[in-house]
Amino acid sequence: MTELDDYRPLGRSGLRVSPLALGAMTFGTGAFCADDGTARKIFRTYVESGGNFVDTADNYGDGRSEELVGEFLRDTGRDDVVLATKYSGPKFRDGGPVSDPRHRSNGRKNMVASLEASLRRLGVDHVDLYWLHIWDGSTPAEEVMGAFDELVRAGKVRAVGLSDVPAWYATKAAMLGGPPVTALQLAYSLVERAIEAEYVPLAQEFGTAIQPWGAIAGGFLSGKYTRDGAGTGRLAGVDVPENRWAILDAVREIAAEVGATPAQVALHWVTRRPAMPAPLIGARSPEQLTESLGALALDLTPAQLDRLTEVSEVPLPFPHDVLKQLNAGLPR
């Protein structure tokens, strides 16, 4: 059985992290956020259970998430936590993204200014992992990695990562000779496996970790939604493709077999995938966090894991479909 204090390397960095990372997107303000007192309990539950990897961003709660994480760190000790934050993600107002090209820029000027603001909100002098949050579609990898290099040399950042970037961009960044790309943060779950074609081989080639977000697909794989439209939450009333219901059916069946919740089964499957040492989990209550942590205690059989893999398999895109067919049987 895997424990939360079963620390493992994050890519080729010297960082050692828990097998599940606590995402702080639910800390701060917003309809889906916990109040400050509940956020403190969530953080404390995670750390007291042995967790050491906390991930936030400058746009979560318009900076309030970082402020809260900073407060909570003072209760536990800065050096006991691998602290990650991000820059250049979109801000949201009235339920939608705000167009702000200055804040969204991945360029050096915004990176440096954003980090300084994050350090003030967090109340620390450095972060362990600094993420480019979302590629802005124009800033070249040379500028991003050069600026990252300056921050690492200045001691304000220990390691760097890229979130939600194209595979070609991540590959170029990894080959520029600056600080290594320690990790890629990407959407991945039983119903979202697109990264397997390019990103997973990329990560294995360069020794880069992948940190999945959305492992229970925005709550869909928690099992709280049904075909007849029952259930409440962000996905209520959304048209869901039939193949996703088939995946959820399999998750529910296996959950019943092992006495677990569907969310635990879906998350456990992600923890068993290659190159993914520390998937992100979020919670709006200590109870929800405890449920997620229970995914580590599951012991699904190879046959059960194979059932999940097979029911969620997606067609390979070109050229991988052709290569798989033509290279079948060749020595590896």
Protein backbone atom coordinates (compact mmCIF):
# COMPACT_ATOMS: atom_id res chain seq x y z
CA MET A 1 0.00 0.00 0.00
CA THR A 2 1.32 3.43 -0.95
CA GLU A 3 1.42 6.08 1.78
CA LEU A 4 1.33 9.85 1.36
CA ASP A 5 4.83 10.05 2.85
CA ASP A 6 6.19 7.62 0.26
CA TYR A 7 8.19 10.43 -1.33
CA ARG A 8 9.49 9.99 -4.86
CA PRO A 9 11.65 12.05 -7.26
CA LEU A 10 9.97 14.76 -9.29
CA GLY A 11 11.57 14.35 -12.69
CA ARG A 12 15.34 14.73 -12.57
CA SER A 13 15.24 17.40 -9.90
CA GLY A 14 16.37 16.96 -6.32
CA LEU A 15 12.78 17.43 -5.17
CA ARG A 16 11.10 14.50 -3.42
CA VAL A 17 7.32 14.69 -3.35
CA SER A 18 4.24 12.87 -2.10
CA PRO A 19 2.37 10.58 -4.53
CA LEU A 20 -0.57 12.98 -4.45
CA ALA A 21 -0.15 16.77 -4.54
CA LEU A 22 -2.61 19.16 -2.92
CA GLY A 23 -3.99 21.66 -5.42
CA ALA A 24 -5.03 24.95 -3.80
CA MET A 25 -7.38 26.16 -6.54
CA THR A 26 -10.24 25.66 -4.05
CA PHE A 27 -8.62 28.09 -1.59
CA GLY A 28 -9.75 31.70 -1.77
CA THR A 29 -12.80 33.26 -3.36
CA GLY A 30 -15.26 31.81 -5.85
CA ALA A 31 -18.35 29.66 -6.03
CA PHE A 32 -16.39 26.41 -5.84
CA CYS A 33 -13.93 27.49 -3.13
CA ALA A 34 -13.82 26.50 0.53
CA ASP A 35 -14.01 29.26 3.12
CA ASP A 36 -10.76 30.25 4.84
CA GLY A 37 -11.32 28.12 7.94
CA THR A 38 -12.17 25.03 5.91
CA ALA A 39 -9.17 25.62 3.63
CA ARG A 40 -6.92 25.65 6.71
CA LYS A 41 -8.38 22.30 7.84
CA ILE A 42 -7.83 20.82 4.37
CA PHE A 43 -4.21 21.97 4.34
CA ARG A 44 -3.61 20.66 7.85
CA THR A 45 -5.21 17.29 7.06
CA TYR A 46 -2.96 16.90 4.02
CA VAL A 47 0.26 17.83 5.84
CA GLU A 48 -0.53 15.82 8.97
CA SER A 49 -1.18 12.79 6.74
CA GLY A 50 2.38 13.08 5.43
CA GLY A 51 1.77 15.21 2.34
CA ASN A 52 4.47 17.65 1.28
CA PHE A 53 3.60 18.90 -2.24
CA VAL A 54 1.33 21.97 -2.45
CA ASP A 55 0.43 23.65 -5.73
CA THR A 56 -1.16 27.08 -6.15
CA ALA A 57 -1.14 29.94 -8.71
CA ASP A 58 -1.22 33.72 -8.78
CA ASN A 59 -4.67 33.74 -10.41
CA TYR A 60 -6.38 31.34 -7.99
CA GLY A 61 -8.86 33.49 -6.10
CA ASP A 62 -7.13 36.52 -7.65
CA GLY A 63 -4.12 35.89 -5.40
CA ARG A 64 -6.04 34.92 -2.26
CA SER A 65 -5.04 31.26 -2.61
CA GLU A 66 -1.36 32.22 -2.36
CA GLU A 67 -2.06 34.39 0.68
CA LEU A 68 -3.81 31.52 2.45
CA VAL A 69 -1.12 28.99 1.55
CA GLY A 70 1.45 31.41 2.95
CA GLU A 71 -0.50 31.70 6.21
CA PHE A 72 -0.83 27.93 6.49
CA LEU A 73 2.88 27.41 5.79
CA ARG A 74 3.73 29.51 8.84
CA ASP A 75 1.84 26.96 10.95
CA THR A 76 3.70 23.96 9.54
CA GLY A 77 7.17 25.12 8.51
CA ARG A 78 8.31 26.28 5.10
CA ASP A 79 11.00 23.64 4.69
CA ASP A 80 8.55 20.78 5.20
CA VAL A 81 6.64 21.61 2.00
CA VAL A 82 7.55 21.49 -1.68
CA LEU A 83 5.84 24.69 -2.76
CA ALA A 84 4.75 25.31 -6.34
CA THR A 85 3.03 28.28 -7.91
CA LYS A 86 2.34 29.55 -11.42
CA TYR A 87 2.21 32.72 -13.50
CA SER A 88 0.37 33.88 -16.64
CA GLY A 89 -2.93 32.09 -16.12
CA PRO A 90 -6.19 33.90 -16.99
CA LYS A 91 -8.05 35.92 -14.40
CA PHE A 92 -11.78 35.46 -14.08
CA ARG A 93 -14.57 37.94 -13.44
CA ASP A 94 -18.32 37.23 -13.42
CA GLY A 95 -17.75 33.58 -14.35
CA GLY A 96 -15.57 34.18 -17.40
CA PRO A 97 -11.95 34.90 -18.31
CA VAL A 98 -10.78 38.50 -18.44
CA SER A 99 -8.76 39.59 -21.46
CA ASP A 100 -5.53 40.97 -19.97
CA PRO A 101 -2.56 40.54 -22.33
CA ARG A 102 -0.13 41.94 -19.73
CA HIS A 103 -1.00 39.38 -17.08
CA ARG A 104 -1.30 36.57 -19.62
CA SER A 105 2.13 37.19 -21.17
CA ASN A 106 4.68 34.42 -20.68
CA GLY A 107 7.47 36.93 -21.29
CA ARG A 108 10.34 37.78 -18.95
CA LYS A 109 8.88 41.07 -17.70
CA ASN A 110 5.63 39.48 -16.56
CA MET A 111 7.38 36.37 -15.22
CA VAL A 112 9.67 38.37 -12.93
CA ALA A 113 6.94 40.75 -11.77
CA SER A 114 4.52 37.88 -11.15
CA LEU A 115 7.06 35.91 -9.13
CA GLU A 116 7.87 38.89 -6.94
CA ALA A 117 4.17 39.41 -6.24
CA SER A 118 3.70 35.71 -5.50
CA LEU A 119 6.63 35.66 -3.08
CA ARG A 120 5.10 38.61 -1.20
CA ARG A 121 1.69 36.94 -0.97
CA LEU A 122 3.23 33.63 0.09
CA GLY A 123 5.58 35.28 2.56
CA VAL A 124 8.61 33.27 1.35
CA ASP A 125 11.91 34.07 -0.35
CA HIS A 126 11.71 31.28 -2.93
CA VAL A 127 9.41 28.67 -4.44
CA ASP A 128 10.47 25.10 -5.13
CA LEU A 129 8.71 24.79 -8.48
CA TYR A 130 7.64 27.67 -10.72
CA TRP A 131 5.22 26.90 -13.54
CA LEU A 132 4.39 28.69 -16.76
CA HIS A 133 0.64 28.29 -16.33
CA ILE A 134 -0.71 28.42 -19.90
CA TRP A 135 1.20 29.21 -23.08
CA ASP A 136 0.17 32.60 -24.45
CA GLY A 137 0.57 31.47 -28.07
CA SER A 138 3.42 33.82 -28.92
CA THR A 139 6.26 34.02 -26.39
CA PRO A 140 9.15 31.88 -27.66
CA ALA A 141 10.57 29.11 -25.52
CA GLU A 142 13.99 30.82 -25.65
CA GLU A 143 12.68 33.83 -23.70
CA VAL A 144 10.80 31.72 -21.16
CA MET A 145 13.67 29.35 -20.42
CA GLY A 146 16.21 32.18 -20.34
CA ALA A 147 14.14 34.05 -17.76
CA PHE A 148 13.62 30.84 -15.78
CA ASP A 149 17.40 30.39 -15.76
CA GLU A 150 17.89 33.85 -14.27
CA LEU A 151 15.41 33.14 -11.48
CA VAL A 152 17.01 29.78 -10.68
CA ARG A 153 20.47 31.38 -10.53
CA ALA A 154 19.09 34.11 -8.26
CA GLY A 155 17.86 31.48 -5.82
CA LYS A 156 14.22 32.51 -6.09
CA VAL A 157 13.17 29.30 -7.89
CA ARG A 158 14.55 25.79 -7.41
CA ALA A 159 12.98 24.08 -10.42
CA VAL A 160 10.75 25.01 -13.35
CA GLY A 161 7.81 23.45 -15.14
CA LEU A 162 5.42 23.99 -18.03
CA SER A 163 1.65 23.68 -17.74
CA ASP A 164 -0.78 23.38 -20.64
CA VAL A 165 1.69 23.86 -23.48
CA PRO A 166 1.91 22.08 -26.86
CA ALA A 167 4.16 19.04 -27.01
CA TRP A 168 6.43 20.64 -29.61
CA TYR A 169 6.92 23.65 -27.33
CA ALA A 170 7.79 21.47 -24.34
CA THR A 171 10.26 19.51 -26.48
CA LYS A 172 11.99 22.66 -27.68
CA ALA A 173 12.17 24.05 -24.14
CA ALA A 174 13.73 20.81 -22.91
CA MET A 175 16.47 21.02 -25.57
CA LEU A 176 17.59 24.63 -25.08
CA GLY A 177 20.25 23.85 -22.50
CA GLY A 178 18.94 26.00 -19.67
CA PRO A 179 17.38 24.67 -16.47
CA PRO A 180 15.76 21.30 -17.08
CA VAL A 181 12.00 21.15 -17.49
CA THR A 182 11.29 19.30 -14.27
CA ALA A 183 7.61 18.64 -14.91
CA LEU A 184 4.67 19.12 -17.26
CA GLN A 185 1.23 19.78 -15.78
CA LEU A 186 -1.45 18.42 -18.11
CA ALA A 187 -5.06 17.23 -18.12
CA TYR A 188 -5.27 13.46 -17.75
CA SER A 189 -7.91 11.00 -16.62
CA LEU A 190 -9.80 7.92 -17.75
CA VAL A 191 -11.89 10.16 -20.01
CA GLU A 192 -9.00 12.38 -21.20
CA ARG A 193 -6.03 10.35 -22.43
CA ALA A 194 -4.86 12.47 -25.37
CA ILE A 195 -1.44 13.15 -23.81
CA GLU A 196 -0.42 9.52 -24.16
CA ALA A 197 0.49 9.87 -27.83
CA GLU A 198 3.13 12.61 -27.53
CA TYR A 199 3.62 13.90 -23.99
CA VAL A 200 4.21 10.61 -22.16
CA PRO A 201 6.99 9.47 -24.56
CA LEU A 202 8.41 13.02 -24.41
CA ALA A 203 8.49 12.90 -20.61
CA GLN A 204 10.14 9.49 -20.56
CA GLU A 205 12.76 10.58 -23.11
CA PHE A 206 13.77 13.72 -21.17
CA GLY A 207 13.29 12.45 -17.62
CA THR A 208 10.46 14.91 -17.10
CA ALA A 209 7.61 14.22 -14.71
CA ILE A 210 3.99 14.62 -15.74
CA GLN A 211 1.65 16.01 -13.12
CA PRO A 212 -1.94 15.19 -14.14
CA TRP A 213 -4.73 17.56 -13.27
CA GLY A 214 -8.41 16.69 -13.57
CA ALA A 215 -7.94 13.03 -12.59
CA ILE A 216 -11.66 12.67 -11.80
CA ALA A 217 -12.69 14.81 -14.78
CA GLY A 218 -14.22 17.75 -12.96
CA GLY A 219 -16.24 15.43 -10.74
CA PHE A 220 -17.71 13.31 -13.54
CA LEU A 221 -15.80 10.21 -12.42
CA SER A 222 -16.94 10.69 -8.83
CA GLY A 223 -20.18 9.00 -9.92
CA LYS A 224 -22.48 11.81 -8.82
CA TYR A 225 -23.93 12.26 -12.31
CA THR A 226 -26.30 9.90 -14.10
CA ARG A 227 -27.54 9.42 -17.65
CA ASP A 228 -30.97 10.79 -16.75
CA GLY A 229 -29.47 14.15 -15.83
CA ALA A 230 -29.56 13.71 -12.08
CA GLY A 231 -26.81 15.30 -10.01
CA THR A 232 -25.64 18.77 -9.19
CA GLY A 233 -22.40 20.54 -9.93
CA ARG A 234 -20.46 22.06 -12.79
CA LEU A 235 -21.39 19.25 -15.20
CA ALA A 236 -25.11 19.12 -14.46
CA GLY A 237 -27.03 19.26 -17.74
CA VAL A 238 -23.90 18.90 -19.90
CA ASP A 239 -24.23 16.55 -22.88
CA VAL A 240 -21.87 13.66 -22.09
CA PRO A 241 -20.76 11.27 -24.90
CA GLU A 242 -21.89 7.66 -24.47
CA ASN A 243 -18.33 6.30 -24.31
CA ARG A 244 -17.76 8.33 -21.16
CA TRP A 245 -20.81 6.78 -19.54
CA ALA A 246 -19.36 3.36 -20.39
CA ILE A 247 -16.13 4.33 -18.65
CA LEU A 248 -18.07 5.52 -15.61
CA ASP A 249 -20.03 2.26 -15.56
CA ALA A 250 -16.77 0.30 -15.37
CA VAL A 251 -15.45 2.59 -12.63
CA ARG A 252 -18.62 2.07 -10.61
CA GLU A 253 -18.47 -1.71 -11.07
CA ILE A 254 -14.89 -1.95 -9.87
CA ALA A 255 -15.58 0.44 -6.99
CA ALA A 256 -18.35 -1.92 -5.83
CA GLU A 257 -16.01 -4.90 -6.14
CA VAL A 258 -13.33 -3.42 -3.90
CA GLY A 259 -15.51 -1.41 -1.51
CA ALA A 260 -14.23 1.97 -2.68
CA THR A 261 -15.78 5.08 -4.16
CA PRO A 262 -15.73 5.72 -7.93
CA ALA A 263 -13.49 8.76 -7.38
CA GLN A 264 -10.94 6.63 -5.54
CA VAL A 265 -10.88 4.04 -8.34
CA ALA A 266 -10.48 6.68 -11.07
CA LEU A 267 -7.70 8.44 -9.16
CA HIS A 268 -5.93 5.19 -8.32
CA TRP A 269 -5.77 4.30 -12.03
CA VAL A 270 -4.00 7.61 -12.73
CA THR A 271 -1.47 6.98 -9.95
CA ARG A 272 -0.48 3.73 -11.66
CA ARG A 273 0.31 5.32 -15.04
CA PRO A 274 3.92 5.83 -16.20
CA ALA A 275 5.89 9.05 -15.61
CA MET A 276 3.22 10.48 -13.28
CA PRO A 277 4.67 10.59 -9.74
CA ALA A 278 2.28 13.09 -8.14
CA PRO A 279 -1.20 13.72 -9.60
CA LEU A 280 -3.01 16.81 -8.36
CA ILE A 281 -6.04 16.53 -6.11
CA GLY A 282 -8.31 19.31 -4.92
CA ALA A 283 -10.87 19.40 -2.15
CA ARG A 284 -13.58 21.66 -0.76
CA SER A 285 -13.70 19.84 2.59
CA PRO A 286 -11.40 17.70 4.76
CA GLU A 287 -13.75 14.78 4.16
CA GLN A 288 -13.37 15.08 0.39
CA LEU A 289 -9.60 15.21 0.78
CA THR A 290 -9.62 12.11 2.98
CA GLU A 291 -11.65 10.29 0.33
CA SER A 292 -9.10 11.20 -2.34
CA LEU A 293 -6.18 10.11 -0.17
CA GLY A 294 -7.92 6.75 0.16
CA ALA A 295 -7.07 6.09 -3.48
CA LEU A 296 -3.52 5.31 -2.37
CA ALA A 297 -4.73 2.46 -0.16
CA LEU A 298 -6.48 0.60 -2.98
CA ASP A 299 -4.97 -2.58 -4.34
CA LEU A 300 -6.66 -3.12 -7.69
CA THR A 301 -5.70 -6.30 -9.48
CA PRO A 302 -3.95 -6.19 -12.86
CA ALA A 303 -7.19 -7.46 -14.41
CA GLN A 304 -9.19 -4.60 -12.91
CA LEU A 305 -6.66 -2.02 -14.06
CA ASP A 306 -6.71 -3.58 -17.53
CA ARG A 307 -10.53 -3.30 -17.64
CA LEU A 308 -10.28 0.41 -16.95
CA THR A 309 -7.51 0.88 -19.51
CA GLU A 310 -9.39 -1.02 -22.21
CA VAL A 311 -12.79 0.64 -21.74
CA SER A 312 -11.17 4.10 -21.84
CA GLU A 313 -8.82 3.46 -24.76
CA VAL A 314 -8.92 6.10 -27.48
CA PRO A 315 -7.88 5.80 -31.14
CA LEU A 316 -4.29 6.83 -31.76
CA PRO A 317 -3.84 9.94 -33.94
CA PHE A 318 -1.67 9.95 -37.06
CA PRO A 319 1.13 8.93 -37.34
CA HIS A 320 0.93 6.79 -34.19
CA ASP A 321 -1.87 4.65 -35.56
CA VAL A 322 0.14 3.84 -38.69
CA LEU A 323 3.36 3.31 -36.76
CA LYS A 324 1.69 0.90 -34.36
CA GLN A 325 0.41 -1.18 -37.26
CA LEU A 326 3.59 -1.17 -39.35
CA ASN A 327 6.01 -1.64 -36.45
CA ALA A 328 4.13 -4.48 -34.78
CA GLY A 329 6.46 -7.39 -34.17
CA LEU A 330 9.69 -5.43 -34.65
CA PRO A 331 12.28 -5.74 -31.86
CA ARG A 332 12.21 -2.94 -29.27
